[in-house]
Amino acid sequence: MSDILIVDDERDIRELVSDILEDEGYATRLAGNSDECMAALNAEPPALLILDIWLKDSDMDGIDILKRVKRDNPDVPVVIISGHGNIEIAVAAIKQGAYDFIEKPFNIDQLLVVIRRAMEASRLRRENSSLKRREVTSAEMVGQSAAFRTLVGQLDKVTKSNGRVMLTGPAGAGKEIAARYIHANSNRADGPFVIVNCASISADRMEEVLFGRETSERGVEAGLLEEAHGGVVYFDEVADMPRGTQSKILRVLVDQQFQRVGGSDKVRVDLRVISSTSRDLEAEISAGHFREELFHRLNVVPIKVPSLEDRREDIPVLAEHFIARFHEAQGLPSRDLSAEAVALMQTMIWPGNVRQLKNLIERVLILGDGSGPIEARELPGETEQPGADGRVVLSGALATLPLREARESFEREYLLTQINRFGGNISRTASFVGMERSALHRKLKSLGVVTSTKAGARVAHVGDDADASIAVK
């Protein structure tokens, strides 16, 4: 996309403009009517379109072509050529999205100034799109646990298709990263990745934000769906989409076209749709908050993104990844992790999941002294920490139990934590706690601890026959 397409029904004018531009080093293509223009646009979009507002013996005039270009190739700047009597129409064309207009008979210096500015605008748009694509491609999936490998395997299966994907999982688990991974590895990677944050857009603005609008004062303003043409639109927390908008999105999914707010023209789009939710959509349907038809349209390929609790093995890898990212992007210290800090992070509760881990690492790097490995004492948020003199502060529930029950309760909680920390790997757990594998199996059986498969990994939990009064939740 590096040449200039010149469309004018007067052969002398289009050839004159072509000669001038080629003398300046530009490559050009010529078209004498709307059919030739559309054929050239469909063959390959130009870097710039110079368009006569009136085209004799054509099915479409300049305004019709402009609307089509702004719909199908919104990044292509359009410069309108207008006669003396067409200034009002040319101004109207600016409101429809034209970059500028040149009045006939035009001054060559004026023509070249407008062309240079329009070409620079085209170059900046292409560079901006390229930067956005590199940003998307750099969104990495990080991990090595069984649950993580299962997730990546599922994502890889859907990257080459055009099927709609519904990502489910708790807040902060990485649903947006998973959506970006699908886009970056798909045949739409060169297209845009547009996020619709359904929870942050007010209901009264949702349709304008999605579909765009047309007004006499501001002309055409593209919406997010139009910006996503040729790429992916990602509906984040789709359960928060207003019910009135849901029916219109359903129609877009069926027809692949819509009307801007205040407009009458149909806007055709080519989109792949990825959605996410941390809520139970079937419960939302039962409560009358979400349209069942839209759910079935969006939920073609459901993929569950595991919580950080289900992939505790990945915590050290993720933490090291975030340390490297913060060092590169913000110049924060590049610190190692002590074994004690790793062990503590793998046993902590993470209601905010990967996002919470990322925020914790950033806070430690900002507030820490910047030298040596990150130590366990630098990690905030623990409710039971060693006292200043090294003593362990007991919880109230544990302190009120007889010694035998307290010891069993502690052993059960401790072993549950360690087994889940090591992804259900009994051999690694036994090595860490300093027990023979067979002895650990006997101890787990005596404590009523069993292992089961969850999210692609083996995890430990309290069996049904364990004493409920001392079972660890």
Protein backbone atom coordinates (compact mmCIF):
# COMPACT_ATOMS: atom_id res chain seq x y z
CA MET A 1 0.00 0.00 0.00
CA SER A 2 2.40 2.70 -1.21
CA ASP A 3 0.91 4.23 -4.38
CA ILE A 4 -1.66 6.96 -5.07
CA LEU A 5 -4.92 6.20 -6.88
CA ILE A 6 -6.19 9.14 -9.00
CA VAL A 7 -9.88 9.03 -9.97
CA ASP A 8 -11.21 11.66 -12.42
CA ASP A 9 -13.50 11.37 -15.44
CA GLU A 10 -11.36 13.89 -17.37
CA ARG A 11 -8.40 12.07 -18.83
CA ASP A 12 -6.26 15.23 -19.14
CA ILE A 13 -6.65 16.06 -15.44
CA ARG A 14 -5.88 12.60 -14.10
CA GLU A 15 -2.83 12.27 -16.37
CA LEU A 16 -1.63 15.76 -15.43
CA VAL A 17 -1.89 14.99 -11.72
CA SER A 18 -0.15 11.65 -12.32
CA ASP A 19 2.74 13.29 -14.17
CA ILE A 20 3.20 15.87 -11.40
CA LEU A 21 3.22 13.23 -8.66
CA GLU A 22 5.50 10.86 -10.53
CA ASP A 23 7.98 13.72 -11.01
CA GLU A 24 7.96 13.99 -7.20
CA GLY A 25 8.76 10.27 -6.87
CA TYR A 26 5.27 8.90 -6.15
CA ALA A 27 3.84 5.80 -7.86
CA THR A 28 0.32 6.26 -9.26
CA ARG A 29 -2.66 4.35 -10.62
CA LEU A 30 -5.47 5.90 -12.69
CA ALA A 31 -9.22 5.34 -12.92
CA GLY A 32 -11.77 7.15 -15.07
CA ASN A 33 -15.05 5.99 -13.51
CA SER A 34 -16.47 4.35 -10.41
CA ASP A 35 -16.15 0.79 -11.74
CA GLU A 36 -12.44 1.23 -12.47
CA CYS A 37 -11.99 2.91 -9.09
CA MET A 38 -13.65 0.08 -7.13
CA ALA A 39 -11.71 -2.55 -9.09
CA ALA A 40 -8.45 -0.78 -8.20
CA LEU A 41 -9.45 -0.48 -4.53
CA ASN A 42 -10.40 -4.14 -4.33
CA ALA A 43 -7.15 -5.22 -6.03
CA GLU A 44 -5.04 -3.37 -3.45
CA PRO A 45 -5.88 -0.39 -1.23
CA PRO A 46 -3.68 2.64 -2.10
CA ALA A 47 -1.76 4.79 0.32
CA LEU A 48 -3.88 7.76 -0.83
CA LEU A 49 -6.97 8.30 -2.98
CA ILE A 50 -7.41 11.51 -5.03
CA LEU A 51 -11.09 11.55 -5.97
CA ASP A 52 -13.16 13.80 -8.24
CA ILE A 53 -16.52 14.61 -6.66
CA TRP A 54 -18.39 14.28 -9.99
CA LEU A 55 -17.84 11.27 -12.24
CA LYS A 56 -19.68 11.19 -15.57
CA ASP A 57 -21.07 7.90 -16.86
CA SER A 58 -20.58 6.24 -13.45
CA ASP A 59 -22.92 4.36 -11.13
CA MET A 60 -21.38 6.06 -8.09
CA ASP A 61 -20.31 9.66 -7.50
CA GLY A 62 -17.39 10.76 -5.34
CA ILE A 63 -19.45 10.86 -2.14
CA ASP A 64 -20.66 7.28 -2.69
CA ILE A 65 -17.09 6.09 -3.24
CA LEU A 66 -15.88 8.05 -0.20
CA LYS A 67 -18.46 6.34 2.02
CA ARG A 68 -17.43 2.94 0.67
CA VAL A 69 -13.73 3.64 1.27
CA LYS A 70 -14.34 4.90 4.81
CA ARG A 71 -16.35 1.75 5.49
CA ASP A 72 -14.01 -0.84 3.99
CA ASN A 73 -10.59 0.89 4.14
CA PRO A 74 -10.84 3.55 6.86
CA ASP A 75 -7.05 4.04 7.02
CA VAL A 76 -6.85 5.29 3.39
CA PRO A 77 -6.88 9.15 3.29
CA VAL A 78 -9.14 10.62 0.59
CA VAL A 79 -8.44 14.00 -1.03
CA ILE A 80 -11.46 15.39 -2.91
CA ILE A 81 -11.08 17.34 -6.19
CA SER A 82 -13.85 19.90 -6.47
CA GLY A 83 -14.95 22.55 -9.02
CA HIS A 84 -16.00 26.11 -8.16
CA GLY A 85 -19.65 25.22 -7.76
CA ASN A 86 -19.03 22.21 -5.52
CA ILE A 87 -17.39 23.79 -2.47
CA GLU A 88 -20.36 23.09 -0.19
CA ILE A 89 -20.36 19.47 -1.32
CA ALA A 90 -16.62 19.26 -0.75
CA VAL A 91 -17.05 20.59 2.79
CA ALA A 92 -19.74 17.98 3.33
CA ALA A 93 -17.25 15.37 2.12
CA ILE A 94 -14.82 16.46 4.86
CA LYS A 95 -17.55 15.70 7.38
CA GLN A 96 -17.94 12.28 5.78
CA GLY A 97 -14.29 11.54 6.49
CA ALA A 98 -12.34 13.05 3.56
CA TYR A 99 -8.84 14.26 4.50
CA ASP A 100 -8.99 17.52 2.48
CA PHE A 101 -10.22 18.98 -0.81
CA ILE A 102 -8.52 20.77 -3.71
CA GLU A 103 -10.44 23.29 -5.82
CA LYS A 104 -10.23 23.22 -9.62
CA PRO A 105 -8.33 24.66 -11.35
CA PHE A 106 -5.72 23.74 -8.74
CA ASN A 107 -2.36 25.28 -8.02
CA ILE A 108 0.47 22.73 -8.32
CA ASP A 109 2.22 23.91 -5.15
CA GLN A 110 -1.05 23.70 -3.22
CA LEU A 111 -1.67 20.22 -4.65
CA LEU A 112 1.76 18.99 -3.54
CA VAL A 113 1.38 20.43 -0.03
CA VAL A 114 -1.94 18.62 0.48
CA ILE A 115 -0.57 15.37 -1.02
CA ARG A 116 2.52 15.42 1.21
CA ARG A 117 0.43 15.99 4.33
CA ALA A 118 -2.03 13.26 3.37
CA MET A 119 0.78 10.78 2.63
CA GLU A 120 2.39 11.60 5.97
CA ALA A 121 -0.96 10.96 7.68
CA SER A 122 -1.18 7.63 5.83
CA ARG A 123 2.36 6.69 6.92
CA LEU A 124 1.64 7.56 10.56
CA ARG A 125 -1.54 5.45 10.49
CA ARG A 126 0.39 2.47 9.12
CA GLU A 127 3.13 2.89 11.73
CA ASN A 128 0.55 3.18 14.49
CA SER A 129 -1.14 -0.02 13.30
CA SER A 130 2.25 -1.74 13.16
CA LEU A 131 3.07 -0.67 16.72
CA LYS A 132 -0.30 -1.94 17.93
CA ARG A 133 0.32 -5.28 16.21
CA ARG A 134 3.74 -5.58 17.85
CA GLU A 135 2.19 -4.77 21.22
CA VAL A 136 -0.37 -7.54 20.73
CA THR A 137 2.28 -10.02 19.56
CA SER A 138 4.42 -9.26 22.63
CA ALA A 139 1.62 -10.33 24.99
CA GLU A 140 3.18 -13.55 26.24
CA MET A 141 1.60 -16.64 27.73
CA VAL A 142 3.88 -17.61 30.63
CA GLY A 143 3.81 -20.87 32.57
CA GLN A 144 4.73 -24.53 32.64
CA SER A 145 2.15 -26.24 34.86
CA ALA A 146 -0.20 -28.93 33.59
CA ALA A 147 -3.17 -26.56 33.86
CA PHE A 148 -1.31 -23.93 31.84
CA ARG A 149 -0.27 -26.43 29.15
CA THR A 150 -3.87 -27.59 28.86
CA LEU A 151 -5.01 -23.98 28.35
CA VAL A 152 -2.39 -23.24 25.67
CA GLY A 153 -3.27 -26.47 23.87
CA GLN A 154 -6.91 -25.39 23.70
CA LEU A 155 -5.98 -21.89 22.51
CA ASP A 156 -3.71 -23.28 19.78
CA LYS A 157 -6.61 -25.33 18.42
CA VAL A 158 -8.77 -22.23 17.86
CA THR A 159 -6.14 -19.81 16.50
CA LYS A 160 -6.45 -20.90 12.87
CA SER A 161 -10.25 -20.97 12.78
CA ASN A 162 -12.66 -18.06 12.72
CA GLY A 163 -14.94 -19.53 15.39
CA ARG A 164 -16.23 -17.41 18.25
CA VAL A 165 -14.55 -18.12 21.58
CA MET A 166 -15.91 -17.59 25.09
CA LEU A 167 -13.20 -17.32 27.76
CA THR A 168 -14.35 -17.94 31.33
CA GLY A 169 -12.46 -17.69 34.59
CA PRO A 170 -12.04 -15.48 37.66
CA ALA A 171 -11.01 -11.83 37.47
CA GLY A 172 -7.29 -11.36 36.94
CA ALA A 173 -6.67 -14.89 35.66
CA GLY A 174 -5.46 -13.70 32.25
CA LYS A 175 -8.48 -13.88 29.94
CA GLU A 176 -7.39 -10.83 27.93
CA ILE A 177 -3.88 -12.26 27.48
CA ALA A 178 -5.48 -15.48 26.21
CA ALA A 179 -7.59 -13.46 23.73
CA ARG A 180 -4.51 -11.58 22.53
CA TYR A 181 -2.68 -14.90 22.12
CA ILE A 182 -5.46 -16.19 19.85
CA HIS A 183 -5.32 -13.00 17.76
CA ALA A 184 -1.50 -12.86 17.53
CA ASN A 185 -1.31 -16.46 16.29
CA SER A 186 -4.26 -16.27 13.88
CA ASN A 187 -4.55 -15.29 10.23
CA ARG A 188 -5.93 -11.94 11.50
CA ALA A 189 -2.71 -11.00 13.33
CA ASP A 190 -2.13 -8.13 10.88
CA GLY A 191 -5.59 -6.74 11.66
CA PRO A 192 -6.65 -4.71 14.70
CA PHE A 193 -7.40 -6.09 18.17
CA VAL A 194 -10.13 -3.90 19.64
CA ILE A 195 -11.27 -4.23 23.26
CA VAL A 196 -14.85 -3.43 24.29
CA ASN A 197 -14.82 -3.09 28.08
CA CYS A 198 -18.51 -3.79 28.69
CA ALA A 199 -18.27 -3.03 32.41
CA SER A 200 -16.83 0.48 32.01
CA ILE A 201 -19.08 1.86 29.24
CA SER A 202 -22.34 3.39 30.46
CA ALA A 203 -25.55 1.93 29.05
CA ASP A 204 -26.61 5.21 27.43
CA ARG A 205 -23.33 5.44 25.48
CA MET A 206 -22.81 1.77 24.61
CA GLU A 207 -24.41 1.87 21.15
CA GLU A 208 -22.55 5.02 20.06
CA VAL A 209 -19.27 3.51 21.28
CA LEU A 210 -19.90 0.23 19.43
CA PHE A 211 -21.61 1.39 16.23
CA GLY A 212 -20.34 4.97 15.87
CA ARG A 213 -22.56 7.90 14.96
CA GLU A 214 -23.36 10.38 12.21
CA THR A 215 -24.24 14.01 12.91
CA SER A 216 -24.48 17.11 10.76
CA GLU A 217 -21.96 18.90 12.97
CA ARG A 218 -19.25 16.24 13.23
CA GLY A 219 -20.00 14.00 10.26
CA VAL A 220 -19.08 10.30 10.54
CA GLU A 221 -17.48 9.03 13.76
CA ALA A 222 -16.50 5.37 13.58
CA GLY A 223 -17.32 3.05 16.46
CA LEU A 224 -15.28 0.20 17.92
CA LEU A 225 -16.85 -2.42 15.63
CA GLU A 226 -15.84 -0.40 12.58
CA GLU A 227 -12.32 0.02 13.96
CA ALA A 228 -12.07 -3.77 14.38
CA HIS A 229 -12.87 -4.45 10.71
CA GLY A 230 -10.57 -7.19 9.40
CA GLY A 231 -9.43 -8.16 12.89
CA VAL A 232 -10.76 -9.19 16.30
CA VAL A 233 -13.23 -7.51 18.63
CA TYR A 234 -12.91 -8.62 22.26
CA PHE A 235 -15.96 -8.21 24.50
CA ASP A 236 -14.46 -8.07 28.00
CA GLU A 237 -16.94 -9.01 30.77
CA VAL A 238 -19.74 -9.45 28.26
CA ALA A 239 -22.25 -10.16 31.06
CA ASP A 240 -22.21 -6.41 31.78
CA MET A 241 -23.44 -5.49 28.28
CA PRO A 242 -26.84 -3.71 28.47
CA ARG A 243 -29.69 -6.03 27.47
CA GLY A 244 -30.90 -3.59 24.79
CA THR A 245 -27.48 -3.62 23.14
CA GLN A 246 -27.34 -7.42 23.32
CA SER A 247 -30.12 -7.79 20.75
CA LYS A 248 -28.33 -5.44 18.35
CA ILE A 249 -25.02 -7.28 18.76
CA LEU A 250 -26.88 -10.50 18.04
CA ARG A 251 -28.07 -8.99 14.74
CA VAL A 252 -24.50 -7.89 13.90
CA LEU A 253 -23.26 -11.45 14.45
CA VAL A 254 -25.91 -12.75 12.07
CA ASP A 255 -25.67 -10.08 9.32
CA GLN A 256 -22.07 -8.80 9.78
CA GLN A 257 -23.42 -5.27 9.26
CA PHE A 258 -25.05 -2.47 11.25
CA GLN A 259 -26.10 1.20 11.11
CA ARG A 260 -24.35 4.00 12.94
CA VAL A 261 -26.42 5.94 15.46
CA GLY A 262 -28.11 8.71 13.48
CA GLY A 263 -27.08 7.19 10.15
CA SER A 264 -28.99 5.39 7.41
CA ASP A 265 -26.22 3.55 5.53
CA LYS A 266 -25.38 -0.06 6.30
CA VAL A 267 -21.80 -0.56 7.50
CA ARG A 268 -20.39 -3.98 6.60
CA VAL A 269 -17.71 -5.47 8.86
CA ASP A 270 -15.54 -8.57 8.84
CA LEU A 271 -14.91 -9.51 12.46
CA ARG A 272 -13.85 -12.36 14.65
CA VAL A 273 -15.51 -12.17 18.06
CA ILE A 274 -13.87 -13.28 21.32
CA SER A 275 -15.75 -12.75 24.60
CA SER A 276 -14.92 -13.22 28.26
CA THR A 277 -16.78 -13.33 31.55
CA SER A 278 -16.04 -14.02 35.21
CA ARG A 279 -19.73 -14.61 35.88
CA ASP A 280 -22.01 -17.61 35.34
CA LEU A 281 -23.81 -16.65 32.12
CA GLU A 282 -26.34 -19.45 32.43
CA ALA A 283 -27.35 -18.02 35.82
CA GLU A 284 -27.53 -14.56 34.22
CA ILE A 285 -29.83 -16.00 31.55
CA SER A 286 -32.09 -17.54 34.19
CA ALA A 287 -32.25 -14.19 35.99
CA GLY A 288 -33.27 -12.47 32.74
CA HIS A 289 -30.08 -10.37 32.50
CA PHE A 290 -28.53 -12.02 29.43
CA ARG A 291 -30.07 -13.14 26.16
CA GLU A 292 -29.89 -16.87 25.65
CA GLU A 293 -29.63 -16.50 21.85
CA LEU A 294 -26.57 -14.25 22.23
CA PHE A 295 -24.98 -16.70 24.66
CA HIS A 296 -25.25 -19.53 22.13
CA ARG A 297 -23.82 -17.30 19.39
CA LEU A 298 -20.82 -16.30 21.50
CA ASN A 299 -20.22 -19.62 23.27
CA VAL A 300 -19.27 -21.63 20.16
CA VAL A 301 -15.89 -22.64 21.68
CA PRO A 302 -15.85 -22.31 25.49
CA ILE A 303 -12.38 -22.22 27.10
CA LYS A 304 -11.78 -21.97 30.85
CA VAL A 305 -8.79 -19.91 31.99
CA PRO A 306 -7.55 -21.43 35.29
CA SER A 307 -7.11 -19.39 38.44
CA LEU A 308 -3.65 -18.87 39.93
CA GLU A 309 -4.62 -21.30 42.68
CA ASP A 310 -4.97 -24.01 40.02
CA ARG A 311 -1.49 -23.31 38.66
CA ARG A 312 0.64 -22.55 41.73
CA GLU A 313 3.64 -24.15 40.04
CA ASP A 314 3.69 -21.17 37.67
CA ILE A 315 4.05 -18.54 40.42
CA PRO A 316 7.91 -18.45 40.38
CA VAL A 317 7.97 -18.33 36.55
CA LEU A 318 5.37 -15.57 36.45
CA ALA A 319 7.12 -13.58 39.18
CA GLU A 320 10.46 -13.74 37.33
CA HIS A 321 8.69 -12.71 34.12
CA PHE A 322 7.15 -9.65 35.81
CA ILE A 323 10.48 -8.68 37.38
CA ALA A 324 12.11 -8.73 33.92
CA ARG A 325 9.21 -6.76 32.38
CA PHE A 326 9.27 -4.05 35.08
CA HIS A 327 13.05 -3.76 34.79
CA GLU A 328 12.83 -3.31 31.03
CA ALA A 329 9.80 -0.99 30.93
CA GLN A 330 10.25 1.10 34.11
CA GLY A 331 13.89 0.64 35.06
CA LEU A 332 12.97 -1.04 38.36
CA PRO A 333 15.64 -3.23 39.98
CA SER A 334 16.24 -6.66 38.46
CA ARG A 335 16.19 -8.85 41.58
CA ASP A 336 16.23 -12.60 42.12
CA LEU A 337 13.74 -14.44 44.32
CA SER A 338 14.85 -16.18 47.50
CA ALA A 339 13.69 -19.75 48.07
CA GLU A 340 11.71 -18.57 51.12
CA ALA A 341 9.92 -15.88 49.08
CA VAL A 342 9.01 -18.42 46.40
CA ALA A 343 7.69 -20.85 48.99
CA LEU A 344 5.62 -18.14 50.67
CA MET A 345 4.13 -16.89 47.38
CA GLN A 346 3.16 -20.44 46.43
CA THR A 347 1.25 -20.85 49.70
CA MET A 348 -0.49 -17.46 49.74
CA ILE A 349 -4.13 -16.98 48.75
CA TRP A 350 -4.53 -15.04 45.47
CA PRO A 351 -8.11 -13.75 45.05
CA GLY A 352 -6.84 -11.34 42.37
CA ASN A 353 -4.97 -14.14 40.57
CA VAL A 354 -2.18 -13.27 38.10
CA ARG A 355 -3.05 -9.56 38.16
CA GLN A 356 -2.62 -9.50 41.94
CA LEU A 357 0.75 -11.27 41.65
CA LYS A 358 1.90 -8.73 39.06
CA ASN A 359 0.85 -5.83 41.31
CA LEU A 360 2.61 -7.37 44.31
CA ILE A 361 5.89 -7.76 42.38
CA GLU A 362 5.71 -4.14 41.19
CA ARG A 363 5.10 -2.92 44.75
CA VAL A 364 8.03 -4.92 46.14
CA LEU A 365 10.38 -3.65 43.43
CA ILE A 366 9.32 -0.03 44.07
CA LEU A 367 9.45 -0.15 47.88
CA GLY A 368 12.39 -2.57 48.29
CA ASP A 369 15.97 -1.56 48.91
CA GLY A 370 16.95 -2.71 45.42
CA SER A 371 19.79 -5.00 46.44
CA GLY A 372 19.91 -8.75 46.85
CA PRO A 373 17.16 -11.32 46.37
CA ILE A 374 13.55 -10.59 47.30
CA GLU A 375 13.00 -12.04 50.79
CA ALA A 376 9.80 -13.44 52.30
CA ARG A 377 9.65 -10.57 54.82
CA GLU A 378 9.15 -8.12 51.92
CA LEU A 379 5.93 -9.80 50.80
CA PRO A 380 2.84 -8.10 52.28
CA GLY A 381 -0.58 -9.48 53.06
CA GLU A 382 0.20 -12.39 55.34
CA THR A 383 -2.09 -12.78 58.37
CA GLU A 384 0.15 -15.31 60.13
CA GLN A 385 3.80 -14.29 60.09
CA PRO A 386 6.71 -15.02 62.42
CA GLY A 387 7.01 -12.50 65.20
CA ALA A 388 10.02 -10.30 65.65
CA ASP A 389 11.56 -12.85 68.01
CA GLY A 390 11.00 -15.76 65.58
CA ARG A 391 7.89 -17.13 67.34
CA VAL A 392 4.93 -18.26 65.19
CA VAL A 393 1.68 -16.42 65.95
CA LEU A 394 -1.17 -18.98 66.08
CA SER A 395 -4.64 -18.31 64.73
CA GLY A 396 -7.41 -18.18 67.31
CA ALA A 397 -9.06 -21.41 66.08
CA LEU A 398 -5.82 -23.40 66.25
CA ALA A 399 -4.86 -22.02 69.66
CA THR A 400 -8.09 -23.28 71.25
CA LEU A 401 -7.65 -26.95 70.18
CA PRO A 402 -6.07 -29.71 72.27
CA LEU A 403 -2.48 -30.50 71.26
CA ARG A 404 -3.31 -33.68 69.32
CA GLU A 405 -6.07 -32.04 67.27
CA ALA A 406 -4.03 -28.87 66.74
CA ARG A 407 -1.06 -30.93 65.50
CA GLU A 408 -3.29 -32.86 63.09
CA SER A 409 -4.95 -29.67 61.88
CA PHE A 410 -1.58 -28.04 61.30
CA GLU A 411 -0.16 -31.11 59.52
CA ARG A 412 -3.21 -31.37 57.31
CA GLU A 413 -3.10 -27.68 56.32
CA TYR A 414 0.66 -27.75 55.85
CA LEU A 415 0.63 -30.85 53.62
CA LEU A 416 -2.39 -29.64 51.63
CA THR A 417 -0.54 -26.40 50.95
CA GLN A 418 2.70 -28.11 49.91
CA ILE A 419 1.03 -30.68 47.64
CA ASN A 420 -0.96 -27.99 45.85
CA ARG A 421 2.15 -25.82 45.68
CA PHE A 422 3.92 -28.59 43.74
CA GLY A 423 0.93 -29.26 41.47
CA GLY A 424 0.05 -32.57 43.11
CA ASN A 425 3.54 -34.02 42.60
CA ILE A 426 4.00 -36.34 45.61
CA SER A 427 7.69 -37.00 44.96
CA ARG A 428 8.58 -33.27 44.95
CA THR A 429 6.40 -32.69 48.02
CA ALA A 430 8.06 -35.55 49.90
CA SER A 431 11.51 -34.22 49.02
CA PHE A 432 10.65 -30.70 50.20
CA VAL A 433 9.07 -31.73 53.52
CA GLY A 434 11.85 -34.25 54.24
CA MET A 435 9.80 -37.48 54.21
CA GLU A 436 10.03 -40.72 52.31
CA ARG A 437 7.38 -40.98 49.60
CA SER A 438 5.77 -44.05 51.25
CA ALA A 439 5.74 -42.32 54.64
CA LEU A 440 4.06 -39.28 53.10
CA HIS A 441 1.37 -41.48 51.54
CA ARG A 442 0.68 -43.05 54.96
CA LYS A 443 0.55 -39.65 56.63
CA LEU A 444 -1.89 -38.28 54.01
CA LYS A 445 -4.14 -41.31 54.43
CA SER A 446 -4.17 -40.93 58.22
CA LEU A 447 -5.10 -37.25 57.87
CA GLY A 448 -7.88 -37.94 55.35
CA VAL A 449 -6.14 -36.02 52.55
CA VAL A 450 -6.87 -37.26 49.03
CA THR A 451 -5.73 -36.06 45.60
CA SER A 452 -7.94 -35.52 42.58
CA THR A 453 -7.69 -34.07 39.06
CA LYS A 454 -8.64 -30.43 38.65
CA ALA A 455 -7.87 -28.02 35.79
CA GLY A 456 -5.37 -30.40 34.23
CA ALA A 457 -3.36 -31.00 37.44
CA ARG A 458 -3.55 -33.18 40.53
CA VAL A 459 -4.59 -31.27 43.63
CA ALA A 460 -5.09 -32.25 47.25
CA HIS A 461 -8.17 -31.78 49.39
CA VAL A 462 -9.72 -33.11 52.58
CA GLY A 463 -11.61 -36.36 52.10
CA ASP A 464 -15.25 -36.80 53.08
CA ASP A 465 -14.32 -38.98 56.03
CA ALA A 466 -12.06 -36.37 57.64
CA ASP A 467 -13.17 -34.77 60.88
CA ALA A 468 -15.12 -31.71 59.77
CA SER A 469 -14.31 -29.89 62.97
CA ILE A 470 -10.64 -29.72 62.12
CA ALA A 471 -10.81 -29.84 58.31
CA VAL A 472 -8.95 -27.00 56.68
CA LYS A 473 -11.06 -24.93 54.31
